[in-house]
Amino acid sequence: MPDKKISKIYRKLMTTDSEYKAFNLVDNLDPKEAKAVLMKIVMNLTKEQSGVKI
């Protein structure tokens, strides 16, 4: 699964203006895409909490 596609979904999810749109976006993902997006969210939160800057 291309990382570019996951990054695009992640950006849409993080910039959406309503929780309903975010829910629909996640609800329509296939399980592998949803897992990859969740992993990206967790990794980015972990980096922010540890103070690592890229």
PDB file of N, CA and C in Angstrom:
ATOM      1  N   MET A   1       0.857  -1.175   0.000  1.00  0.00           N
ATOM      2  CA  MET A   1       0.000   0.000   0.000  1.00  0.00           C
ATOM      3  C   MET A   1       0.904   1.241   0.000  1.00  0.00           C
ATOM      4  N   PRO A   2       0.708   2.103  -0.964  1.00  0.00           N
ATOM      5  CA  PRO A   2       1.580   3.276  -1.067  1.00  0.00           C
ATOM      6  C   PRO A   2       1.426   4.219   0.129  1.00  0.00           C
ATOM      7  N   ASP A   3       2.581   4.672   0.609  1.00  0.00           N
ATOM      8  CA  ASP A   3       2.582   5.603   1.732  1.00  0.00           C
ATOM      9  C   ASP A   3       1.955   6.937   1.336  1.00  0.00           C
ATOM     10  N   LYS A   4       2.037   7.269   0.056  1.00  0.00           N
ATOM     11  CA  LYS A   4       1.456   8.527  -0.426  1.00  0.00           C
ATOM     12  C   LYS A   4      -0.061   8.546  -0.205  1.00  0.00           C
ATOM     13  N   LYS A   5      -0.712   7.435  -0.462  1.00  0.00           N
ATOM     14  CA  LYS A   5      -2.164   7.341  -0.277  1.00  0.00           C
ATOM     15  C   LYS A   5      -2.527   7.473   1.202  1.00  0.00           C
ATOM     16  N   ILE A   6      -1.759   6.815   2.057  1.00  0.00           N
ATOM     17  CA  ILE A   6      -2.007   6.878   3.498  1.00  0.00           C
ATOM     18  C   ILE A   6      -1.784   8.303   4.000  1.00  0.00           C
ATOM     19  N   SER A   7      -0.750   8.953   3.508  1.00  0.00           N
ATOM     20  CA  SER A   7      -0.474  10.336   3.910  1.00  0.00           C
ATOM     21  C   SER A   7      -1.607  11.267   3.496  1.00  0.00           C
ATOM     22  N   LYS A   8      -2.148  11.036   2.320  1.00  0.00           N
ATOM     23  CA  LYS A   8      -3.260  11.864   1.843  1.00  0.00           C
ATOM     24  C   LYS A   8      -4.498  11.678   2.728  1.00  0.00           C
ATOM     25  N   ILE A   9      -4.790  10.441   3.078  1.00  0.00           N
ATOM     26  CA  ILE A   9      -5.926  10.160   3.963  1.00  0.00           C
ATOM     27  C   ILE A   9      -5.684  10.783   5.333  1.00  0.00           C
ATOM     28  N   TYR A  10      -4.460  10.655   5.840  1.00  0.00           N
ATOM     29  CA  TYR A  10      -4.103  11.224   7.148  1.00  0.00           C
ATOM     30  C   TYR A  10      -4.307  12.745   7.148  1.00  0.00           C
ATOM     31  N   ARG A  11      -3.834  13.417   6.104  1.00  0.00           N
ATOM     32  CA  ARG A  11      -4.003  14.878   6.012  1.00  0.00           C
ATOM     33  C   ARG A  11      -5.475  15.263   5.963  1.00  0.00           C
ATOM     34  N   LYS A  12      -6.257  14.541   5.198  1.00  0.00           N
ATOM     35  CA  LYS A  12      -7.698  14.821   5.145  1.00  0.00           C
ATOM     36  C   LYS A  12      -8.334  14.659   6.514  1.00  0.00           C
ATOM     37  N   LEU A  13      -7.947  13.608   7.209  1.00  0.00           N
ATOM     38  CA  LEU A  13      -8.501  13.327   8.526  1.00  0.00           C
ATOM     39  C   LEU A  13      -8.124  14.408   9.536  1.00  0.00           C
ATOM     40  N   MET A  14      -6.879  14.872   9.486  1.00  0.00           N
ATOM     41  CA  MET A  14      -6.410  15.871  10.446  1.00  0.00           C
ATOM     42  C   MET A  14      -6.930  17.275  10.147  1.00  0.00           C
ATOM     43  N   THR A  15      -7.305  17.543   8.909  1.00  0.00           N
ATOM     44  CA  THR A  15      -7.732  18.893   8.543  1.00  0.00           C
ATOM     45  C   THR A  15      -9.239  19.035   8.349  1.00  0.00           C
ATOM     46  N   THR A  16      -9.972  17.965   8.553  1.00  0.00           N
ATOM     47  CA  THR A  16     -11.419  18.043   8.377  1.00  0.00           C
ATOM     48  C   THR A  16     -12.032  18.990   9.404  1.00  0.00           C
ATOM     49  N   ASP A  17     -13.109  19.638   9.016  1.00  0.00           N
ATOM     50  CA  ASP A  17     -13.707  20.660   9.883  1.00  0.00           C
ATOM     51  C   ASP A  17     -14.813  20.120  10.793  1.00  0.00           C
ATOM     52  N   SER A  18     -15.154  18.849  10.653  1.00  0.00           N
ATOM     53  CA  SER A  18     -16.186  18.303  11.538  1.00  0.00           C
ATOM     54  C   SER A  18     -15.876  16.848  11.885  1.00  0.00           C
ATOM     55  N   GLU A  19     -16.317  16.444  13.047  1.00  0.00           N
ATOM     56  CA  GLU A  19     -16.126  15.066  13.477  1.00  0.00           C
ATOM     57  C   GLU A  19     -16.911  14.102  12.597  1.00  0.00           C
ATOM     58  N   TYR A  20     -18.052  14.556  12.085  1.00  0.00           N
ATOM     59  CA  TYR A  20     -18.876  13.699  11.228  1.00  0.00           C
ATOM     60  C   TYR A  20     -18.125  13.339   9.945  1.00  0.00           C
ATOM     61  N   LYS A  21     -17.472  14.327   9.323  1.00  0.00           N
ATOM     62  CA  LYS A  21     -16.700  14.055   8.106  1.00  0.00           C
ATOM     63  C   LYS A  21     -15.533  13.116   8.403  1.00  0.00           C
ATOM     64  N   ALA A  22     -14.884  13.321   9.547  1.00  0.00           N
ATOM     65  CA  ALA A  22     -13.776  12.442   9.931  1.00  0.00           C
ATOM     66  C   ALA A  22     -14.284  11.011  10.138  1.00  0.00           C
ATOM     67  N   PHE A  23     -15.418  10.887  10.800  1.00  0.00           N
ATOM     68  CA  PHE A  23     -16.000   9.564  11.018  1.00  0.00           C
ATOM     69  C   PHE A  23     -16.305   8.878   9.691  1.00  0.00           C
ATOM     70  N   ASN A  24     -16.935   9.590   8.775  1.00  0.00           N
ATOM     71  CA  ASN A  24     -17.265   9.009   7.474  1.00  0.00           C
ATOM     72  C   ASN A  24     -16.017   8.599   6.712  1.00  0.00           C
ATOM     73  N   LEU A  25     -14.984   9.417   6.789  1.00  0.00           N
ATOM     74  CA  LEU A  25     -13.736   9.095   6.105  1.00  0.00           C
ATOM     75  C   LEU A  25     -13.155   7.789   6.635  1.00  0.00           C
ATOM     76  N   VAL A  26     -13.096   7.649   7.949  1.00  0.00           N
ATOM     77  CA  VAL A  26     -12.552   6.433   8.556  1.00  0.00           C
ATOM     78  C   VAL A  26     -13.477   5.242   8.314  1.00  0.00           C
ATOM     79  N   ASP A  27     -14.767   5.469   8.367  1.00  0.00           N
ATOM     80  CA  ASP A  27     -15.738   4.392   8.178  1.00  0.00           C
ATOM     81  C   ASP A  27     -15.648   3.784   6.783  1.00  0.00           C
ATOM     82  N   ASN A  28     -15.277   4.579   5.803  1.00  0.00           N
ATOM     83  CA  ASN A  28     -15.219   4.101   4.421  1.00  0.00           C
ATOM     84  C   ASN A  28     -13.883   3.476   4.035  1.00  0.00           C
ATOM     85  N   LEU A  29     -12.907   3.473   4.936  1.00  0.00           N
ATOM     86  CA  LEU A  29     -11.608   2.871   4.639  1.00  0.00           C
ATOM     87  C   LEU A  29     -11.685   1.357   4.754  1.00  0.00           C
ATOM     88  N   ASP A  30     -10.839   0.701   3.982  1.00  0.00           N
ATOM     89  CA  ASP A  30     -10.755  -0.746   4.190  1.00  0.00           C
ATOM     90  C   ASP A  30      -9.859  -0.983   5.417  1.00  0.00           C
ATOM     91  N   PRO A  31      -9.935  -2.148   6.021  1.00  0.00           N
ATOM     92  CA  PRO A  31      -9.225  -2.385   7.285  1.00  0.00           C
ATOM     93  C   PRO A  31      -7.712  -2.132   7.230  1.00  0.00           C
ATOM     94  N   LYS A  32      -7.071  -2.486   6.126  1.00  0.00           N
ATOM     95  CA  LYS A  32      -5.622  -2.274   6.020  1.00  0.00           C
ATOM     96  C   LYS A  32      -5.287  -0.786   5.967  1.00  0.00           C
ATOM     97  N   GLU A  33      -6.092  -0.013   5.227  1.00  0.00           N
ATOM     98  CA  GLU A  33      -5.870   1.437   5.167  1.00  0.00           C
ATOM     99  C   GLU A  33      -6.118   2.069   6.532  1.00  0.00           C
ATOM    100  N   ALA A  34      -7.183   1.650   7.203  1.00  0.00           N
ATOM    101  CA  ALA A  34      -7.502   2.201   8.519  1.00  0.00           C
ATOM    102  C   ALA A  34      -6.374   1.907   9.505  1.00  0.00           C
ATOM    103  N   LYS A  35      -5.816   0.729   9.458  1.00  0.00           N
ATOM    104  CA  LYS A  35      -4.717   0.371  10.351  1.00  0.00           C
ATOM    105  C   LYS A  35      -3.490   1.232  10.060  1.00  0.00           C
ATOM    106  N   ALA A  36      -3.180   1.431   8.787  1.00  0.00           N
ATOM    107  CA  ALA A  36      -2.016   2.232   8.412  1.00  0.00           C
ATOM    108  C   ALA A  36      -2.185   3.687   8.846  1.00  0.00           C
ATOM    109  N   VAL A  37      -3.384   4.229   8.681  1.00  0.00           N
ATOM    110  CA  VAL A  37      -3.650   5.606   9.097  1.00  0.00           C
ATOM    111  C   VAL A  37      -3.555   5.720  10.617  1.00  0.00           C
ATOM    112  N   LEU A  38      -4.105   4.755  11.330  1.00  0.00           N
ATOM    113  CA  LEU A  38      -4.019   4.762  12.790  1.00  0.00           C
ATOM    114  C   LEU A  38      -2.562   4.705  13.246  1.00  0.00           C
ATOM    115  N   MET A  39      -1.766   3.879  12.608  1.00  0.00           N
ATOM    116  CA  MET A  39      -0.345   3.794  12.958  1.00  0.00           C
ATOM    117  C   MET A  39       0.352   5.126  12.713  1.00  0.00           C
ATOM    118  N   LYS A  40      -0.001   5.808  11.631  1.00  0.00           N
ATOM    119  CA  LYS A  40       0.593   7.112  11.334  1.00  0.00           C
ATOM    120  C   LYS A  40       0.196   8.139  12.395  1.00  0.00           C
ATOM    121  N   ILE A  41      -1.057   8.115  12.828  1.00  0.00           N
ATOM    122  CA  ILE A  41      -1.522   9.032  13.873  1.00  0.00           C
ATOM    123  C   ILE A  41      -0.747   8.779  15.163  1.00  0.00           C
ATOM    124  N   VAL A  42      -0.634   7.530  15.555  1.00  0.00           N
ATOM    125  CA  VAL A  42       0.074   7.182  16.793  1.00  0.00           C
ATOM    126  C   VAL A  42       1.545   7.585  16.707  1.00  0.00           C
ATOM    127  N   MET A  43       2.169   7.326  15.581  1.00  0.00           N
ATOM    128  CA  MET A  43       3.581   7.686  15.419  1.00  0.00           C
ATOM    129  C   MET A  43       3.774   9.199  15.518  1.00  0.00           C
ATOM    130  N   ASN A  44       2.889   9.969  14.900  1.00  0.00           N
ATOM    131  CA  ASN A  44       3.010  11.424  14.948  1.00  0.00           C
ATOM    132  C   ASN A  44       2.740  11.961  16.346  1.00  0.00           C
ATOM    133  N   LEU A  45       1.787  11.385  17.063  1.00  0.00           N
ATOM    134  CA  LEU A  45       1.525  11.808  18.437  1.00  0.00           C
ATOM    135  C   LEU A  45       2.714  11.489  19.330  1.00  0.00           C
ATOM    136  N   THR A  46       3.316  10.335  19.121  1.00  0.00           N
ATOM    137  CA  THR A  46       4.472   9.933  19.912  1.00  0.00           C
ATOM    138  C   THR A  46       5.634  10.885  19.668  1.00  0.00           C
ATOM    139  N   LYS A  47       5.848  11.282  18.419  1.00  0.00           N
ATOM    140  CA  LYS A  47       6.921  12.223  18.089  1.00  0.00           C
ATOM    141  C   LYS A  47       6.672  13.580  18.735  1.00  0.00           C
ATOM    142  N   GLU A  48       5.427  14.047  18.703  1.00  0.00           N
ATOM    143  CA  GLU A  48       5.091  15.336  19.300  1.00  0.00           C
ATOM    144  C   GLU A  48       5.305  15.313  20.801  1.00  0.00           C
ATOM    145  N   GLN A  49       4.930  14.232  21.450  1.00  0.00           N
ATOM    146  CA  GLN A  49       5.060  14.132  22.897  1.00  0.00           C
ATOM    147  C   GLN A  49       6.512  14.021  23.334  1.00  0.00           C
ATOM    148  N   SER A  50       7.339  13.387  22.495  1.00  0.00           N
ATOM    149  CA  SER A  50       8.742  13.218  22.879  1.00  0.00           C
ATOM    150  C   SER A  50       9.583  14.446  22.509  1.00  0.00           C
ATOM    151  N   GLY A  51       9.009  15.343  21.737  1.00  0.00           N
ATOM    152  CA  GLY A  51       9.729  16.562  21.375  1.00  0.00           C
ATOM    153  C   GLY A  51      10.627  16.410  20.162  1.00  0.00           C
ATOM    154  N   VAL A  52      10.512  15.327  19.436  1.00  0.00           N
ATOM    155  CA  VAL A  52      11.314  15.110  18.254  1.00  0.00           C
ATOM    156  C   VAL A  52      10.791  15.980  17.121  1.00  0.00           C
ATOM    157  N   LYS A  53      11.667  16.727  16.487  1.00  0.00           N
ATOM    158  CA  LYS A  53      11.268  17.559  15.351  1.00  0.00           C
ATOM    159  C   LYS A  53      11.927  17.029  14.102  1.00  0.00           C
ATOM    160  N   ILE A  54      11.132  16.962  13.055  1.00  0.00           N
ATOM    161  CA  ILE A  54      11.651  16.444  11.783  1.00  0.00           C
ATOM    162  C   ILE A  54      11.823  17.593  10.818  1.00  0.00           C
TER     163      ILE A  54
END
